[in-house]
Amino acid sequence: MNTVHVRYFASIREALGTGEQVQLPAGTSVSTLRDRLIERSPAHAAALARGKALRCALNQALCEETAVVSEGAEVAFFPPVTGG
């Protein structure tokens, strides 16, 4: 099992706090991590819902949800940024 550090930003941080550590099997994708987090609680399900547009980063670089998470990785979830 790999320990992964999950961080939340903006409205997700307001709903779930700053982050948490998660144990995942080797070879787990960001998408699977998101699904596991959604299952944790109603608050997680609402903040990370599949219908919501979210951005993700792996080790501080934007990534697709197909990216594979390794031991000690940091995965961040945040809403898309809009400009004006």
Protein backbone atom coordinates (compact mmCIF):
# COMPACT_ATOMS: atom_id res chain seq x y z
CA MET A 1 0.00 0.00 0.00
CA ASN A 2 1.14 3.52 -0.81
CA THR A 3 0.58 6.53 1.43
CA VAL A 4 -0.68 9.49 -0.58
CA HIS A 5 -1.13 13.04 0.66
CA VAL A 6 -4.35 14.64 -0.58
CA ARG A 7 -4.76 18.41 -0.47
CA TYR A 8 -7.88 20.46 -1.08
CA PHE A 9 -8.17 24.06 -2.21
CA ALA A 10 -10.81 26.82 -2.47
CA SER A 11 -14.42 25.62 -2.02
CA ILE A 12 -13.30 22.00 -1.62
CA ARG A 13 -11.06 23.04 1.26
CA GLU A 14 -13.99 24.83 2.87
CA ALA A 15 -16.05 21.62 2.69
CA LEU A 16 -13.38 19.03 3.58
CA GLY A 17 -10.53 20.82 5.32
CA THR A 18 -6.94 21.20 4.17
CA GLY A 19 -6.37 17.55 3.29
CA GLU A 20 -5.77 14.03 4.47
CA GLN A 21 -3.58 10.98 4.00
CA VAL A 22 -4.91 7.96 2.12
CA GLN A 23 -3.60 4.42 1.75
CA LEU A 24 -3.85 3.12 -1.83
CA PRO A 25 -2.72 0.02 -3.67
CA ALA A 26 0.26 0.50 -5.99
CA GLY A 27 -0.76 1.56 -9.49
CA THR A 28 -3.86 3.51 -8.42
CA SER A 29 -4.90 6.38 -10.71
CA VAL A 30 -6.05 9.83 -9.63
CA SER A 31 -9.51 8.87 -10.94
CA THR A 32 -9.68 5.84 -8.64
CA LEU A 33 -8.43 7.97 -5.74
CA ARG A 34 -11.24 10.45 -6.42
CA ASP A 35 -13.79 7.62 -6.44
CA ARG A 36 -12.49 6.30 -3.11
CA LEU A 37 -12.66 9.75 -1.57
CA ILE A 38 -16.24 10.19 -2.83
CA GLU A 39 -17.16 7.03 -0.91
CA ARG A 40 -15.75 8.36 2.39
CA SER A 41 -18.62 10.62 3.43
CA PRO A 42 -21.54 12.68 2.16
CA ALA A 43 -19.33 15.79 2.37
CA HIS A 44 -16.69 14.13 0.19
CA ALA A 45 -19.38 12.96 -2.23
CA ALA A 46 -20.74 16.50 -2.60
CA ALA A 47 -17.36 18.25 -2.89
CA LEU A 48 -15.76 15.76 -5.31
CA ALA A 49 -18.86 14.61 -7.23
CA ARG A 50 -18.27 13.26 -10.73
CA GLY A 51 -20.61 15.87 -12.21
CA LYS A 52 -18.43 18.70 -10.91
CA ALA A 53 -15.64 20.18 -12.96
CA LEU A 54 -12.48 19.78 -10.89
CA ARG A 55 -8.81 20.19 -11.65
CA CYS A 56 -6.19 17.92 -10.19
CA ALA A 57 -2.47 18.10 -9.71
CA LEU A 58 0.05 15.37 -8.99
CA ASN A 59 3.18 16.52 -7.16
CA GLN A 60 2.33 20.17 -7.91
CA ALA A 61 1.89 19.68 -11.68
CA LEU A 62 -1.51 19.71 -13.36
CA CYS A 63 -2.47 16.23 -14.46
CA GLU A 64 -5.21 14.14 -15.99
CA GLU A 65 -7.15 11.72 -13.81
CA THR A 66 -5.43 8.86 -15.64
CA ALA A 67 -2.13 9.74 -13.90
CA VAL A 68 -0.82 7.01 -11.60
CA VAL A 69 -0.15 7.92 -7.98
CA SER A 70 3.06 6.62 -6.38
CA GLU A 71 4.22 6.26 -2.77
CA GLY A 72 4.47 9.62 -0.99
CA ALA A 73 2.81 11.52 -3.83
CA GLU A 74 0.79 14.66 -3.26
CA VAL A 75 -2.52 14.91 -5.09
CA ALA A 76 -4.44 18.18 -5.03
CA PHE A 77 -8.05 18.82 -6.01
CA PHE A 78 -9.40 22.29 -6.76
CA PRO A 79 -12.18 23.93 -8.77
CA PRO A 80 -11.30 25.38 -12.17
CA VAL A 81 -10.22 28.98 -11.98
CA THR A 82 -12.23 31.58 -13.85
CA GLY A 83 -10.86 34.95 -14.80
CA GLY A 84 -12.47 38.22 -15.48
